Every structure is written in C-alpha cells, then in structure tokens.
C-alpha atoms as a PDB file:
ATOM      1  CA  MET A   1     -10.978  -6.466   5.492  1.00  0.00           C
ATOM      2  CA  LEU A   2      -9.215  -5.276   2.699  1.00  0.00           C
ATOM      3  CA  ARG A   3     -11.039  -7.716  -0.150  1.00  0.00           C
ATOM      4  CA  LYS A   4     -11.241  -5.318  -3.068  1.00  0.00           C
ATOM      5  CA  ILE A   5      -8.954  -2.382  -3.738  1.00  0.00           C
ATOM      6  CA  LEU A   6      -9.375  -0.066  -6.677  1.00  0.00           C
ATOM      7  CA  ILE A   7      -6.573   1.399  -8.608  1.00  0.00           C
ATOM      8  CA  PRO A   8      -7.497   4.823 -10.733  1.00  0.00           C
ATOM      9  CA  ILE A   9      -4.474   4.763 -13.290  1.00  0.00           C
ATOM     10  CA  ASP A  10      -3.054   7.620 -15.773  1.00  0.00           C
ATOM     11  CA  ASP A  11       0.452   7.688 -17.218  1.00  0.00           C
ATOM     12  CA  SER A  12       1.986  10.054 -14.510  1.00  0.00           C
ATOM     13  CA  LYS A  13       4.844   9.047 -12.405  1.00  0.00           C
ATOM     14  CA  CYS A  14       2.318   9.585  -9.265  1.00  0.00           C
ATOM     15  CA  SER A  15      -0.273   7.356 -10.838  1.00  0.00           C
ATOM     16  CA  GLU A  16       2.478   4.452 -11.434  1.00  0.00           C
ATOM     17  CA  GLN A  17       3.360   4.859  -7.895  1.00  0.00           C
ATOM     18  CA  ALA A  18       0.148   4.641  -6.529  1.00  0.00           C
ATOM     19  CA  ALA A  19      -0.041   1.441  -8.196  1.00  0.00           C
ATOM     20  CA  ASN A  20       3.059  -0.016  -7.082  1.00  0.00           C
ATOM     21  CA  TYR A  21       1.945   0.613  -3.123  1.00  0.00           C
ATOM     22  CA  ALA A  22      -1.725  -0.860  -4.386  1.00  0.00           C
ATOM     23  CA  LEU A  23       0.099  -4.226  -5.640  1.00  0.00           C
ATOM     24  CA  ALA A  24       2.356  -4.231  -2.517  1.00  0.00           C
ATOM     25  CA  LEU A  25      -0.987  -3.865  -0.427  1.00  0.00           C
ATOM     26  CA  ALA A  26      -2.878  -6.556  -2.407  1.00  0.00           C
ATOM     27  CA  LYS A  27      -0.215  -9.088  -2.024  1.00  0.00           C
ATOM     28  CA  LYS A  28       0.120  -8.291   2.062  1.00  0.00           C
ATOM     29  CA  PHE A  29      -3.698  -8.541   2.060  1.00  0.00           C
ATOM     30  CA  ASP A  30      -4.422 -11.245  -0.414  1.00  0.00           C
ATOM     31  CA  ALA A  31      -7.156  -8.671  -1.974  1.00  0.00           C
ATOM     32  CA  VAL A  32      -8.350  -8.298  -5.438  1.00  0.00           C
ATOM     33  CA  VAL A  33      -7.567  -5.085  -7.154  1.00  0.00           C
ATOM     34  CA  LEU A  34      -9.580  -3.837  -9.606  1.00  0.00           C
ATOM     35  CA  MET A  35      -7.862  -1.170 -12.217  1.00  0.00           C
ATOM     36  CA  ILE A  36      -9.500   1.324 -14.400  1.00  0.00           C
ATOM     37  CA  HIS A  37      -8.239   4.005 -16.862  1.00  0.00           C
ATOM     38  CA  VAL A  38     -11.012   6.743 -17.573  1.00  0.00           C
ATOM     39  CA  VAL A  39     -10.864   8.317 -20.585  1.00  0.00           C
ATOM     40  CA  GLU A  40     -12.709  11.782 -20.269  1.00  0.00           C
ATOM     41  CA  GLU A  41     -15.795  11.840 -23.251  1.00  0.00           C
ATOM     42  CA  LEU A  42     -15.368  14.594 -25.507  1.00  0.00           C
ATOM     43  CA  PRO A  43     -18.066  16.298 -27.276  1.00  0.00           C
ATOM     44  CA  GLN A  44     -19.916  14.099 -30.087  1.00  0.00           C
ATOM     45  CA  LEU A  45     -17.602  15.607 -32.578  1.00  0.00           C
ATOM     46  CA  TYR A  46     -14.467  14.284 -31.264  1.00  0.00           C
ATOM     47  CA  ARG A  47     -15.639  10.934 -30.187  1.00  0.00           C
ATOM     48  CA  GLU A  48     -15.743   8.968 -33.462  1.00  0.00           C
ATOM     49  CA  THR A  49     -12.179  10.793 -34.595  1.00  0.00           C
ATOM     50  CA  ALA A  50      -9.080   8.363 -34.440  1.00  0.00           C
ATOM     51  CA  TRP A  51      -7.453  10.347 -32.036  1.00  0.00           C
ATOM     52  CA  PHE A  52     -10.194   9.683 -29.441  1.00  0.00           C
ATOM     53  CA  GLU A  53      -9.936   5.952 -30.353  1.00  0.00           C
ATOM     54  CA  SER A  54      -5.914   6.359 -29.800  1.00  0.00           C
ATOM     55  CA  LEU A  55      -6.870   7.931 -26.107  1.00  0.00           C
ATOM     56  CA  MET A  56      -8.973   4.575 -26.087  1.00  0.00           C
ATOM     57  CA  GLN A  57      -5.891   2.240 -27.414  1.00  0.00           C
ATOM     58  CA  LYS A  58      -3.454   4.240 -24.703  1.00  0.00           C
ATOM     59  CA  GLY A  59      -5.817   3.643 -21.802  1.00  0.00           C
ATOM     60  CA  THR A  60      -5.865   0.112 -22.854  1.00  0.00           C
ATOM     61  CA  ASP A  61      -2.103  -0.642 -23.558  1.00  0.00           C
ATOM     62  CA  LEU A  62      -1.239   1.301 -19.584  1.00  0.00           C
ATOM     63  CA  VAL A  63      -3.431  -1.420 -17.919  1.00  0.00           C
ATOM     64  CA  SER A  64      -2.149  -4.436 -19.768  1.00  0.00           C
ATOM     65  CA  HIS A  65       1.035  -3.219 -18.891  1.00  0.00           C
ATOM     66  CA  TRP A  66      -0.141  -3.681 -15.048  1.00  0.00           C
ATOM     67  CA  LYS A  67      -1.877  -7.218 -15.915  1.00  0.00           C
ATOM     68  CA  ASP A  68       1.040  -8.450 -17.088  1.00  0.00           C
ATOM     69  CA  LYS A  69       2.839  -7.138 -13.391  1.00  0.00           C
ATOM     70  CA  ALA A  70       0.223  -8.582 -11.418  1.00  0.00           C
ATOM     71  CA  GLN A  71       0.479 -11.758 -13.184  1.00  0.00           C
ATOM     72  CA  LYS A  72       4.304 -12.138 -12.783  1.00  0.00           C
ATOM     73  CA  ASP A  73       3.283 -11.083  -9.041  1.00  0.00           C
ATOM     74  CA  GLN A  74       0.273 -14.054  -8.905  1.00  0.00           C
ATOM     75  CA  LEU A  75      -2.109 -10.890  -7.830  1.00  0.00           C
ATOM     76  CA  ASN A  76      -5.609 -10.727  -8.819  1.00  0.00           C
ATOM     77  CA  LEU A  77      -6.027  -7.636 -11.227  1.00  0.00           C
ATOM     78  CA  HIS A  78      -8.823  -6.833 -13.115  1.00  0.00           C
ATOM     79  CA  THR A  79      -8.515  -4.313 -15.585  1.00  0.00           C
ATOM     80  CA  THR A  80     -10.674  -2.007 -17.527  1.00  0.00           C
ATOM     81  CA  VAL A  81     -10.915   1.508 -19.418  1.00  0.00           C
ATOM     82  CA  ILE A  82     -14.065   3.148 -19.289  1.00  0.00           C
ATOM     83  CA  LYS A  83     -15.287   6.726 -20.904  1.00  0.00           C
ATOM     84  CA  GLY A  84     -16.701   8.931 -18.444  1.00  0.00           C
ATOM     85  CA  GLU A  85     -17.921  12.830 -18.896  1.00  0.00           C
ATOM     86  CA  ASP A  86     -16.621  13.328 -15.462  1.00  0.00           C
ATOM     87  CA  VAL A  87     -13.304  11.717 -14.672  1.00  0.00           C
ATOM     88  CA  ALA A  88     -13.861  12.055 -10.769  1.00  0.00           C
ATOM     89  CA  GLN A  89     -17.524  11.091 -10.541  1.00  0.00           C
ATOM     90  CA  SER A  90     -16.739   8.082 -12.709  1.00  0.00           C
ATOM     91  CA  ILE A  91     -13.907   6.474 -10.378  1.00  0.00           C
ATOM     92  CA  VAL A  92     -16.266   7.092  -7.640  1.00  0.00           C
ATOM     93  CA  THR A  93     -19.134   5.546  -9.225  1.00  0.00           C
ATOM     94  CA  PHE A  94     -16.991   2.390 -10.537  1.00  0.00           C
ATOM     95  CA  ALA A  95     -15.739   1.862  -6.599  1.00  0.00           C
ATOM     96  CA  GLN A  96     -19.661   2.339  -5.206  1.00  0.00           C
ATOM     97  CA  ASP A  97     -20.791  -0.063  -8.056  1.00  0.00           C
ATOM     98  CA  ASN A  98     -17.955  -3.032  -7.543  1.00  0.00           C
ATOM     99  CA  HIS A  99     -18.068  -2.667  -3.818  1.00  0.00           C
ATOM    100  CA  CYS A 100     -14.377  -1.784  -3.418  1.00  0.00           C
ATOM    101  CA  ASP A 101     -12.913  -1.430   0.217  1.00  0.00           C
ATOM    102  CA  LEU A 102     -10.206   1.269  -0.773  1.00  0.00           C
ATOM    103  CA  ILE A 103      -9.394   3.756  -3.599  1.00  0.00           C
ATOM    104  CA  ILE A 104      -5.997   4.230  -4.009  1.00  0.00           C
ATOM    105  CA  ILE A 105      -5.136   7.489  -5.773  1.00  0.00           C
ATOM    106  CA  GLY A 106      -1.900   9.208  -6.905  1.00  0.00           C
ATOM    107  CA  THR A 107      -1.671  12.985  -6.592  1.00  0.00           C
ATOM    108  CA  HIS A 108       0.629  15.579  -8.144  1.00  0.00           C
ATOM    109  CA  SER A 109       0.564  17.729  -5.024  1.00  0.00           C
ATOM    110  CA  ARG A 110      -0.062  20.696  -7.204  1.00  0.00           C
ATOM    111  CA  LYS A 111       0.327  24.482  -5.370  1.00  0.00           C
ATOM    112  CA  GLY A 112      -0.711  27.429  -6.212  1.00  0.00           C
ATOM    113  CA  LEU A 113      -1.859  28.399  -9.610  1.00  0.00           C
ATOM    114  CA  ALA A 114      -1.330  24.981 -10.851  1.00  0.00           C
ATOM    115  CA  HIS A 115      -3.344  23.745  -8.352  1.00  0.00           C
ATOM    116  CA  MET A 116      -6.291  26.302  -8.649  1.00  0.00           C
ATOM    117  CA  PHE A 117      -6.801  25.944 -12.771  1.00  0.00           C
ATOM    118  CA  LEU A 118      -5.848  22.259 -13.079  1.00  0.00           C
ATOM    119  CA  GLY A 119      -8.074  21.176  -9.607  1.00  0.00           C
ATOM    120  CA  SER A 120      -6.782  17.585  -8.849  1.00  0.00           C
ATOM    121  CA  VAL A 121      -8.974  14.428  -9.961  1.00  0.00           C
ATOM    122  CA  ALA A 122      -7.686  13.128  -6.492  1.00  0.00           C
ATOM    123  CA  GLU A 123      -8.862  15.807  -4.352  1.00  0.00           C
ATOM    124  CA  ARG A 124     -12.544  15.364  -6.191  1.00  0.00           C
ATOM    125  CA  VAL A 125     -12.436  11.752  -5.207  1.00  0.00           C
ATOM    126  CA  THR A 126     -11.689  12.208  -1.724  1.00  0.00           C
ATOM    127  CA  ARG A 127     -14.761  14.600  -1.711  1.00  0.00           C
ATOM    128  CA  LEU A 128     -17.204  12.847  -3.773  1.00  0.00           C
ATOM    129  CA  SER A 129     -16.385   9.126  -2.678  1.00  0.00           C
ATOM    130  CA  ASP A 130     -18.220   6.819   0.752  1.00  0.00           C
ATOM    131  CA  VAL A 131     -15.495   4.556  -0.064  1.00  0.00           C
ATOM    132  CA  PRO A 132     -12.225   5.343   1.788  1.00  0.00           C
ATOM    133  CA  VAL A 133      -9.214   7.188  -0.432  1.00  0.00           C
ATOM    134  CA  MET A 134      -5.656   6.623   0.404  1.00  0.00           C
ATOM    135  CA  LEU A 135      -3.809   9.316  -1.979  1.00  0.00           C
ATOM    136  CA  ILE A 136      -0.220   8.636  -2.564  1.00  0.00           C
ATOM    137  CA  ARG A 137       2.064  11.318  -3.336  1.00  0.00           C
ATOM    138  CA  GLU A 138       4.773  11.142  -5.977  1.00  0.00           C
ATOM    139  CA  SER A 139       7.780  11.180  -4.827  1.00  0.00           C
ATOM    140  CA  THR A 140      11.413   9.887  -5.658  1.00  0.00           C
ATOM    141  CA  GLN A 141      10.738   6.621  -3.426  1.00  0.00           C
ATOM    142  CA  ASP A 142       9.895   3.931  -5.630  1.00  0.00           C
ATOM    143  CA  VAL A 143       9.692   1.605  -2.587  1.00  0.00           C
ATOM    144  CA  ALA A 144       6.036   0.968  -1.383  1.00  0.00           C
ATOM    145  CA  GLU A 145       6.574   0.696   2.353  1.00  0.00           C
ATOM    146  CA  PHE A 146       4.394   2.452   4.539  1.00  0.00           C
ATOM    147  CA  ARG A 147       6.302   4.258   7.555  1.00  0.00           C
ATOM    148  CA  ARG A 148       3.725   6.926   8.312  1.00  0.00           C
ATOM    149  CA  ILE A 149       0.162   7.351   7.779  1.00  0.00           C
ATOM    150  CA  LEU A 150      -2.296  10.270   8.003  1.00  0.00           C
ATOM    151  CA  LEU A 151      -5.705   9.935   8.174  1.00  0.00           C
ATOM    152  CA  ALA A 152      -8.022  13.019   8.678  1.00  0.00           C
ATOM    153  CA  VAL A 153     -11.482  11.761  10.644  1.00  0.00           C
ATOM    154  CA  ASP A 154     -14.544  13.982  11.015  1.00  0.00           C
ATOM    155  CA  GLY A 155     -16.390  11.125  13.014  1.00  0.00           C
ATOM    156  CA  SER A 156     -18.690  10.106   9.678  1.00  0.00           C
ATOM    157  CA  ASP A 157     -19.078   6.865   8.924  1.00  0.00           C
ATOM    158  CA  THR A 158     -16.866   6.950   6.405  1.00  0.00           C
ATOM    159  CA  SER A 159     -13.657   8.453   8.612  1.00  0.00           C
ATOM    160  CA  ARG A 160     -14.505   5.575  11.117  1.00  0.00           C
ATOM    161  CA  LYS A 161     -14.392   2.609   8.303  1.00  0.00           C
ATOM    162  CA  ALA A 162     -11.146   4.436   7.221  1.00  0.00           C
ATOM    163  CA  LEU A 163     -10.160   4.512  10.256  1.00  0.00           C
ATOM    164  CA  LYS A 164     -10.519   0.705  10.324  1.00  0.00           C
ATOM    165  CA  TYR A 165      -8.562   0.247   7.107  1.00  0.00           C
ATOM    166  CA  ALA A 166      -6.222   2.643   8.329  1.00  0.00           C
ATOM    167  CA  ASP A 167      -5.468   0.889  12.034  1.00  0.00           C
ATOM    168  CA  GLN A 168      -5.205  -2.664  10.172  1.00  0.00           C
ATOM    169  CA  LEU A 169      -2.478  -1.073   7.797  1.00  0.00           C
ATOM    170  CA  ALA A 170      -0.385   0.318  10.471  1.00  0.00           C
ATOM    171  CA  GLN A 171      -0.460  -2.875  12.436  1.00  0.00           C
ATOM    172  CA  GLU A 172       0.533  -4.950   9.113  1.00  0.00           C
ATOM    173  CA  THR A 173       3.195  -2.864   8.362  1.00  0.00           C
ATOM    174  CA  GLN A 174       4.142  -1.382  11.447  1.00  0.00           C
ATOM    175  CA  ALA A 175       3.761   2.034  10.235  1.00  0.00           C
ATOM    176  CA  GLU A 176       2.900   5.171  12.233  1.00  0.00           C
ATOM    177  CA  LEU A 177      -0.842   6.085  12.555  1.00  0.00           C
ATOM    178  CA  HIS A 178      -1.308   9.942  12.645  1.00  0.00           C
ATOM    179  CA  LEU A 179      -4.791  11.065  12.898  1.00  0.00           C
ATOM    180  CA  LEU A 180      -5.906  14.938  12.150  1.00  0.00           C
END
C-alpha cells in the first residue's frame, strides 16, 4: 500500500528528523523514497549569479548525504534538486507528477509572530496536497519511532486515503491512532 514516499528536505533539524522517520518507514514497508530539495527561484537578475549556483550546489550536497545513508541501509532512494517559484507548490506538484503515496515533511512548529510573518512551507503543503502528508515536529528525540499518530479527518476522499495509511502505520508500529 505504501510504495512511494516523498521527502522534501532542507538543512534544518526538523527536516533531518523527518528524513530519518521517512527512511525508517520506507525500510519497514519496502517503499521507494524520493527526496527533493527545492531552491526558491529568484528574479532573473539573480538567477545567473554565483550565489544562486551555490544554493543549487548546497542542495545537491544535502541530498547526496542522504543518498549515501540510504545506500548503507540498502534503501531505494532517488534524489533531485529543483528550482521553483513557490516551494510548497513545487513539492505538491512533484508528489503528484511522481505518483507519491505519502509526503513526509518536517515542521518547525513556529508560533505567534514568527508563524504569522514566516508562514510554513509544511502548512501550505498540507493545504495544497491531494497526497497524504505526515508532519514530523521538531523534537529532541532522534529515534524514529511511532507511538502516537494524530490524523485530522474531514470526510473527503483525501482524508479517507490518509486514514488507510495511518491505520496501516499504526498496526505495523503498534502506535496509538487518534482521529480529530
């Protein structure tokens, strides 16, 4: 049922934790993992600069680190660095175009003014995506284990699809499944 997982990644701690969870899940379900890093496309004036190229290279280095880790764990991981005007929309489009079953993304859990001004790519992905999205909150726990799963459902086809994945994940990992 879970055949292809998408991991959008940046260089944050919460993204690293989400990637660890995703790789553990992929190993458990023998799923293919697609990992992308999206470099926000800048106005034409900046696109041809060494600075922009360094952002692309940084993305390539970031996903290469995870490719090495996946090979050691004998996981099927494919990495891509893409440019996009809207990071969240680029992630959603990539997931749809590649027929992903699940997106696993880290969230910074910002609150207050930081959330209002900075927004959240993860939040926008959950709103835009027809593909189920698993949010991994930044935490001090490095172990990729599932104890509690919270699933918000609204009766839509997408939430029914997400419920199937959450139920299967809860059964496989002996985690508690809570519906909201």
